[in-house]
Protein backbone atom coordinates (compact mmCIF):
# COMPACT_ATOMS: atom_id res chain seq x y z
CA MET A 1 107.12 72.26 93.25
CA SER A 2 104.73 70.48 91.45
CA GLU A 3 102.33 71.84 88.64
CA ASN A 4 99.14 71.72 91.25
CA SER A 5 100.67 73.09 93.59
CA ASN A 6 101.35 75.88 91.39
CA ASN A 7 97.99 76.53 90.35
CA LYS A 8 96.95 76.58 93.78
CA LEU A 9 99.29 79.14 94.19
CA THR A 10 98.13 80.85 91.21
CA ASP A 11 94.45 80.86 92.33
CA LEU A 12 95.48 81.75 95.56
CA SER A 13 97.40 85.51 94.39
CA LEU A 14 94.58 85.64 92.41
CA SER A 15 92.19 85.35 95.44
CA GLN A 16 94.45 88.15 97.72
CA LEU A 17 93.92 90.61 94.47
CA VAL A 18 90.52 90.35 94.24
CA ILE A 19 89.92 91.03 97.93
CA GLU A 20 92.13 93.97 97.67
CA ALA A 21 90.77 95.05 94.55
CA ALA A 22 87.24 94.96 95.96
CA GLN A 23 88.16 96.25 98.74
CA MET A 24 89.58 99.57 96.47
CA LYS A 25 86.26 99.82 94.92
CA GLN A 26 84.73 100.32 97.42
CA LEU A 27 87.04 102.95 98.67
CA LEU A 28 86.12 104.61 94.87
CA VAL A 29 82.43 104.79 95.82
CA GLN A 30 82.92 106.23 98.79
CA LEU A 31 85.39 109.36 97.44
CA LYS A 32 82.88 109.54 94.60
CA ASN A 33 79.67 110.02 96.59
CA SER A 34 81.66 112.45 98.74
CA ASN A 35 81.92 116.22 99.35
CA LYS A 36 83.65 117.30 95.46
CA LYS A 37 86.22 119.31 97.66
CA ILE A 38 87.18 115.99 100.31
CA MET A 39 87.12 114.02 97.31
CA SER A 40 90.12 116.27 95.83
CA LEU A 41 92.16 116.47 98.24
CA LEU A 42 91.94 112.71 99.49
CA SER A 43 92.58 111.60 95.51
CA ASN A 44 96.22 112.80 94.88
CA PRO A 45 98.00 110.86 97.94
CA LEU A 46 95.79 107.92 96.93
CA ILE A 47 97.05 107.90 93.18
CA PRO A 48 99.77 105.07 94.02
CA PHE A 49 98.10 103.10 96.15
CA PHE A 50 95.48 102.76 93.14
CA ALA A 51 98.42 102.18 90.75
CA PHE A 52 99.32 99.54 93.28
CA ILE A 53 96.58 97.76 92.49
CA GLY A 54 96.25 99.05 89.03
CA ASP A 55 99.94 97.81 88.26
CA GLY A 56 98.72 93.97 89.63
CA ILE A 57 95.23 93.40 87.47
CA ILE A 58 97.80 95.16 84.23
CA LYS A 59 100.20 92.18 85.43
CA LEU A 60 96.93 89.59 84.34
CA VAL A 61 96.46 90.85 81.09
CA PRO A 62 98.23 89.91 77.89
CA GLU A 63 101.13 92.23 76.48
CA GLU A 64 99.34 91.95 73.23
CA ASP A 65 95.96 93.36 74.37
CA ASP A 66 95.98 96.99 73.54
CA LEU A 67 95.49 99.42 77.15
CA THR A 68 96.11 102.40 74.43
CA ASP A 69 94.86 105.47 75.88
CA GLU A 70 93.76 108.47 74.60
CA THR A 71 92.78 110.68 77.37
CA LEU A 72 96.56 110.01 78.37
CA ASN A 73 98.05 110.25 75.16
CA LEU A 74 99.71 107.13 75.99
CA ASP A 75 100.41 103.95 73.66
CA ASN A 76 99.91 100.35 74.98
CA TYR A 77 103.10 99.76 76.71
CA GLU A 78 103.68 103.29 77.53
CA PHE A 79 100.16 102.82 79.73
CA ARG A 80 101.47 99.76 81.27
CA ARG A 81 105.14 101.62 81.72
CA PHE A 82 103.22 104.52 83.41
CA ILE A 83 100.74 102.36 85.54
CA GLY A 84 104.41 100.44 86.70
CA GLN A 85 106.14 103.89 87.33
CA LEU A 86 103.27 105.58 89.51
CA ARG A 87 102.87 102.45 92.22
CA VAL A 88 103.58 103.35 94.99
CA GLY A 89 105.11 106.39 94.38
CA HIS A 90 108.38 106.54 96.97
CA LYS A 91 109.46 103.52 95.70
CA LEU A 92 111.15 105.34 92.35
CA LEU A 93 112.98 108.02 95.15
CA SER A 94 114.17 105.62 97.58
CA ASP A 95 115.65 103.64 94.21
CA LYS A 96 117.86 106.10 93.73
CA THR A 97 120.90 107.22 95.99
CA VAL A 98 120.26 110.22 98.92
CA SER A 99 121.88 113.35 96.60
CA LYS A 100 120.31 111.87 93.11
CA THR A 101 116.71 111.72 95.23
CA GLY A 102 117.47 115.17 97.35
CA LYS A 103 118.43 116.66 93.45
CA LEU A 104 115.55 115.21 91.54
CA LEU A 105 112.66 116.52 94.31
CA LEU A 106 114.91 120.37 94.64
CA GLY A 107 114.55 120.73 90.77
CA ILE A 108 110.78 119.72 91.03
CA GLN A 109 110.08 122.33 93.78
CA GLU A 110 112.38 125.29 91.94
CA GLN A 111 110.21 124.66 88.73
CA ASN A 112 107.05 124.95 91.15
CA PHE A 113 108.29 128.45 92.75
CA LYS A 114 108.91 129.44 88.41
CA MET A 115 105.68 128.89 87.68
CA LEU A 116 103.99 130.40 90.28
CA THR A 117 106.12 133.52 89.44
CA SER A 118 106.16 133.16 85.37
CA GLU A 119 103.11 135.78 84.78
CA TYR A 120 103.83 138.41 87.39
CA ASN A 121 104.38 141.95 85.59
CA ALA A 122 107.46 144.16 87.42
CA LEU A 123 105.36 145.47 89.64
CA GLN A 124 104.44 142.34 91.36
CA LYS A 125 107.59 141.32 91.18
CA ILE A 126 109.21 143.87 93.56
CA VAL A 127 106.48 143.74 95.68
CA ILE A 128 107.10 139.40 95.63
CA ASP A 129 110.65 140.69 96.59
CA SER A 130 110.00 143.04 99.68
CA ILE A 131 107.62 139.87 100.53
CA GLY A 132 108.35 136.89 99.42
CA GLN A 133 106.50 134.11 97.68
CA ARG A 134 104.89 130.88 99.92
CA ASP A 135 106.00 127.73 97.24
CA LEU A 136 105.13 124.91 99.32
CA SER A 137 101.63 123.62 99.97
CA ILE A 138 100.81 120.84 102.67
CA VAL A 139 97.02 119.04 103.13
CA SER A 140 96.56 118.03 106.55
CA TYR A 141 93.39 116.58 108.23
CA LYS A 142 92.91 117.65 111.97
CA GLY A 143 96.27 118.45 112.09
CA ILE A 144 97.90 115.93 110.56
CA ASP A 145 99.68 115.94 107.67
CA PHE A 146 99.18 113.82 104.87
CA GLY A 147 100.48 115.52 101.77
CA ASN A 148 102.12 118.23 99.97
CA LEU A 149 102.04 119.49 96.39
CA LEU A 150 105.48 118.44 95.46
CA GLN A 151 103.96 114.93 95.59
CA THR A 152 102.00 115.08 92.95
CA TYR A 153 104.60 116.38 90.45
CA ILE A 154 106.32 113.13 91.15
CA TYR A 155 103.88 110.67 90.61
CA LEU A 156 102.66 112.37 87.61
CA ASP A 157 106.14 113.13 86.18
CA PRO A 158 106.11 110.40 83.28
CA LEU A 159 103.25 112.66 82.17
CA LEU A 160 104.66 116.22 83.01
CA LYS A 161 107.92 116.39 80.67
CA HIS A 162 107.75 119.92 79.60
CA LEU A 163 106.89 121.42 82.99
CA ASP A 164 109.47 124.39 82.35
CA GLU A 165 107.36 125.72 79.26
CA ILE A 166 104.19 125.90 81.53
CA LYS A 167 102.82 129.09 82.92
CA TYR A 168 101.39 128.86 86.39
CA SER A 169 97.78 129.60 84.74
CA ASP A 170 97.96 126.93 82.13
CA LEU A 171 98.86 124.43 85.18
CA LYS A 172 95.37 123.40 85.90
CA THR A 173 94.42 123.07 83.10
CA ILE A 174 96.92 120.40 82.05
CA LEU A 175 97.83 118.97 85.78
CA GLY A 176 94.01 118.82 86.86
CA PRO A 177 92.99 116.55 83.30
CA LYS A 178 96.18 114.68 83.86
CA LEU A 179 95.01 113.55 87.19
CA ILE A 180 91.43 113.22 86.17
CA GLY A 181 92.40 110.93 82.92
CA THR A 182 94.78 109.08 85.28
CA SER A 183 92.15 108.37 88.03
CA THR A 184 89.69 107.67 85.47
CA ALA A 185 92.21 105.10 83.91
CA LEU A 186 93.02 103.49 86.97
CA SER A 187 88.62 103.62 88.48
CA SER A 188 88.20 101.96 85.19
CA ILE A 189 90.73 98.95 85.10
CA ILE A 190 89.61 98.00 88.74
CA SER A 191 86.22 98.30 88.17
CA SER A 192 86.12 96.32 85.37
CA PHE A 193 87.99 93.76 87.44
CA VAL A 194 85.96 93.36 90.16
CA SER A 195 82.67 93.44 88.44
CA PRO A 196 82.42 89.64 87.30
CA PHE A 197 82.64 88.72 91.21
CA GLU A 198 79.76 91.04 92.34
CA GLU A 199 77.63 89.38 89.73
CA PHE A 200 78.82 85.89 90.63
CA GLY A 201 77.08 87.36 94.12
CA ARG A 202 80.77 86.64 95.14
CA LEU A 203 81.60 90.26 96.11
CA LYS A 204 79.44 93.28 97.28
CA ILE A 205 80.01 96.84 97.22
CA ASP A 206 77.87 99.40 98.73
CA LYS A 207 77.38 102.05 96.04
CA LEU A 208 75.55 104.94 98.85
CA VAL A 209 78.52 104.65 101.45
CA LYS A 210 79.96 108.42 101.83
CA ILE A 211 83.34 109.42 103.63
CA GLN A 212 81.72 111.20 106.87
CA SER A 213 84.80 113.45 107.28
CA ARG A 214 83.63 117.27 107.13
CA ILE A 215 85.61 119.15 104.96
CA LYS A 216 86.58 121.80 107.81
CA GLU A 217 88.32 118.50 109.66
CA PHE A 218 91.09 119.07 106.41
CA GLU A 219 93.61 122.36 105.79
CA SER A 220 95.46 122.66 103.04
CA LYS A 221 98.28 126.00 104.04
CA ASP A 222 101.51 127.41 101.85
CA TYR A 223 104.82 128.01 103.63
CA PHE A 224 107.81 129.28 103.00
CA PHE A 225 110.28 127.08 102.01
CA LEU A 226 112.67 127.76 99.42
CA ASP A 227 112.91 131.55 100.57
CA LYS A 228 116.02 130.88 102.93
CA VAL A 229 115.16 133.77 105.23
CA ARG A 230 111.80 133.95 105.21
CA LYS A 231 111.10 129.71 105.28
CA ASP A 232 108.92 128.75 107.87
CA ILE A 233 108.47 124.91 107.62
CA PHE A 234 110.69 122.51 109.03
CA ASN A 235 114.13 123.07 110.78
CA ASN A 236 117.77 123.43 109.30
CA THR A 237 119.69 120.75 110.33
CA LEU A 238 119.29 118.25 106.89
CA PRO A 239 119.71 120.21 103.21
CA MET A 240 116.30 121.21 102.05
CA GLU A 241 116.11 118.29 99.15
CA GLN A 242 116.31 115.83 102.46
CA LEU A 243 113.86 117.90 104.69
CA ILE A 244 111.02 117.18 101.78
CA VAL A 245 112.20 113.72 101.11
CA LEU A 246 111.75 112.80 104.48
CA HIS A 247 108.27 115.28 104.65
CA SER A 248 106.93 113.34 101.90
CA HIS A 249 107.26 109.98 103.42
CA LEU A 250 105.66 111.36 106.88
CA CYS A 251 102.90 112.41 104.71
CA GLN A 252 102.49 109.03 103.04
CA LEU A 253 103.28 107.19 107.02
CA ASN A 254 100.64 109.35 108.13
CA PHE A 255 97.97 108.84 105.21
CA ILE A 256 98.15 104.90 105.33
CA GLY A 257 98.47 104.82 108.92
CA THR A 258 95.96 107.18 110.25
CA ILE A 259 93.54 108.79 107.55
CA LEU A 260 93.31 105.49 105.30
CA PRO A 261 91.47 103.78 108.08
CA GLU A 262 89.92 106.38 110.08
CA ILE A 263 88.22 108.45 106.73
CA PHE A 264 87.43 105.29 104.60
CA GLY A 265 86.91 102.46 107.20
CA ASN A 266 87.41 98.43 106.97
CA VAL A 267 90.01 98.19 104.46
CA SER A 268 91.95 95.85 106.47
CA ASP A 269 94.08 93.85 103.68
CA LEU A 270 95.09 97.15 101.58
CA TYR A 271 95.53 98.79 105.42
CA LEU A 272 97.85 95.52 106.25
CA ARG A 273 100.25 95.72 102.88
CA PHE A 274 99.94 99.49 102.60
CA LYS A 275 101.16 100.12 105.85
CA LEU A 276 104.10 97.74 105.67
CA ILE A 277 104.99 98.90 101.90
CA THR A 278 105.04 102.69 103.57
CA TYR A 279 107.17 101.54 106.77
CA LEU A 280 109.49 99.81 104.22
CA GLU A 281 110.46 102.76 101.72
CA ALA A 282 110.60 105.00 104.75
CA VAL A 283 113.26 102.91 106.16
CA LYS A 284 114.91 102.62 103.24
CA THR A 285 115.45 106.45 102.82
CA LEU A 286 116.32 106.67 107.01
CA LYS A 287 118.95 103.58 105.77
CA LYS A 288 120.48 105.73 103.04
CA LEU A 289 120.70 108.76 105.55
CA VAL A 290 122.46 107.32 108.39
CA ASN A 291 125.77 107.33 107.07
CA GLN A 292 125.64 110.78 106.37
CA LYS A 293 128.10 112.15 109.20
CA GLN A 294 127.63 115.52 108.16
CA TRP A 295 123.96 115.40 108.61
CA ILE A 296 123.14 113.06 111.18
CA ASP A 297 124.16 113.28 114.71
CA ASP A 298 124.22 110.50 117.00
CA PHE A 299 121.61 110.74 118.50
CA HIS A 300 119.49 110.51 115.43
CA ARG A 301 121.91 107.87 114.14
CA ASP A 302 121.40 105.62 117.30
CA ASP A 303 117.48 105.73 116.89
CA ILE A 304 117.70 104.98 113.20
CA ASN A 305 120.22 102.04 113.82
CA ASP A 306 118.02 100.68 116.32
CA ILE A 307 115.03 100.74 113.41
CA LEU A 308 117.22 98.69 111.20
CA ASN A 309 118.51 96.35 114.02
CA SER A 310 114.85 95.64 115.18
CA SER A 311 113.56 92.35 114.39
CA ILE A 312 110.35 93.30 112.56
CA TYR A 313 111.82 95.29 110.11
CA LYS A 314 114.89 92.65 109.89
CA LEU A 315 111.75 89.97 109.47
CA ILE A 316 109.95 92.34 106.48
CA SER A 317 112.71 93.31 104.66
CA LYS A 318 113.95 89.89 104.08
CA ARG A 319 113.79 88.96 99.98
CA GLN A 320 110.90 87.12 99.95
CA VAL A 321 108.90 88.54 102.50
CA ARG A 322 109.75 92.04 100.98
CA ASN A 323 109.00 90.79 97.14
CA ASN A 324 106.11 89.06 98.67
CA ILE A 325 104.81 92.31 100.17
CA ALA A 326 105.64 94.73 96.89
CA HIS A 327 103.79 91.99 94.39
CA TYR A 328 100.78 89.68 94.48
CA THR A 329 101.92 87.13 92.25
CA ILE A 330 102.85 84.52 94.87
CA ALA A 331 106.74 83.23 95.09
CA ASP A 332 109.17 81.63 97.18
CA TYR A 333 106.64 79.59 99.74
CA ASP A 334 104.88 76.22 99.43
CA TYR A 335 101.37 76.46 98.96
CA GLU A 336 100.93 74.23 102.45
CA ILE A 337 102.43 77.04 104.65
CA PHE A 338 98.71 79.31 103.57
CA LYS A 339 96.22 78.50 106.15
CA GLY A 340 93.23 80.46 103.95
CA ASN A 341 93.76 83.84 105.42
CA ASN A 342 94.91 87.38 104.27
CA VAL A 343 98.29 85.83 102.61
CA LEU A 344 100.57 88.37 104.18
CA ILE A 345 100.03 87.30 107.52
CA ASP A 346 100.54 83.67 106.48
CA ILE A 347 103.89 84.02 105.30
CA ILE A 348 104.52 86.41 108.53
CA GLU A 349 103.48 84.03 110.84
CA PHE A 350 105.50 81.50 108.92
CA GLU A 351 108.51 83.31 109.09
CA SER A 352 108.28 84.63 112.52
CA LYS A 353 107.10 81.30 113.82
CA ASP A 354 104.09 83.09 116.13
CA VAL A 355 101.07 84.55 115.90
CA PHE A 356 100.36 87.49 113.67
CA SER A 357 99.15 89.30 116.86
CA SER A 358 102.39 89.62 118.24
CA PHE A 359 104.23 90.43 115.17
CA TRP A 360 101.25 93.69 114.73
CA GLU A 361 102.19 94.94 118.36
CA SER A 362 105.72 95.45 118.01
CA PHE A 363 105.49 96.41 113.80
CA GLU A 364 103.16 99.38 115.16
CA GLU A 365 105.28 100.41 117.71
CA GLN A 366 108.43 100.15 114.91
CA PHE A 367 106.40 102.46 112.68
CA VAL A 368 105.22 105.10 115.28
CA LYS A 369 108.86 104.81 115.76
CA VAL A 370 109.47 105.90 111.93
CA LYS A 371 107.35 108.60 111.96
CA LEU A 372 109.12 109.98 115.48
CA VAL A 373 112.53 109.41 114.17
CA ILE A 374 111.45 111.93 110.55
CA MET A 375 109.22 114.29 113.01
CA SER A 376 112.38 114.99 114.85
CA LEU A 377 114.67 115.37 111.79
CA ILE A 378 112.97 117.64 110.20
CA TYR A 379 110.60 119.87 112.79
């Protein structure tokens, strides 16, 4: 490939990143201008997607440029690594084996339970022994789950190395600033990157737009999860750790597939990339489960195999397609295949030899199928 072609691909990669960073900045403005409780509920599940954009931008910043963040107490190297770990939160989990992922999540959940009960006196402990302690918090919008407390721990795990030393009353004073510090750092990176393009008139951010959803459409509810006797969430078909893994994937699928477009409106480029990513990560976990014969019956195994054998999954899980979905630097394609549309649309049309609308219709069907299979497995 010629140097001129490489330069054009670099410019095209940057252009796509600018578009998606601008859409994320618009989304951040909507959050900032909206009801504080709604902002809080939506910020946590957005963290890995903020980080995905932030990581793309950071990769353009030379290593010698200092990105030390004093609020998070991270030096230049640690901060870059932390943002990289945050990008699309379940990637690190779906890259692990089924057993390692489950043990990690169950360990975090058990630690959460210890913190909840860390300051109970003798009488309170007697009462809890009698009536139990709800330990899993799930957030929903119009009855659709889009987040659980465990996800926050997963996202911030690199910053929360000593949870076993934290009492529940101290958790908010520790977790709150970490969340705010992370969101502030990412917002600053994205805003600084987009601002020059605004100044030159190439982009316009609406500084007044708000989220129109009402707070009563959101609900946060606590469930018994670790308490096997009182357990009132999920079925008992799969081990507890696998139930929470699948529910966390379901929350991300719901958040990107339903919450993002309904609440935030036109963020089409973000919507496309993030929907493809959450689908791939969820299917990766299902692929690992399908061989666990002690957990998965023939009915569910057939459903999962149908997903794995679908033309949609085969297309976007191809190495070169998947890598371009997961990264902003275009690789493995000649500049000539790009038509000036969204980069991913051009790649998918090139690989499928068909118009994007045809692919998208089939993809939407597969996306829904993945959600239905997960729901069937856990409820």
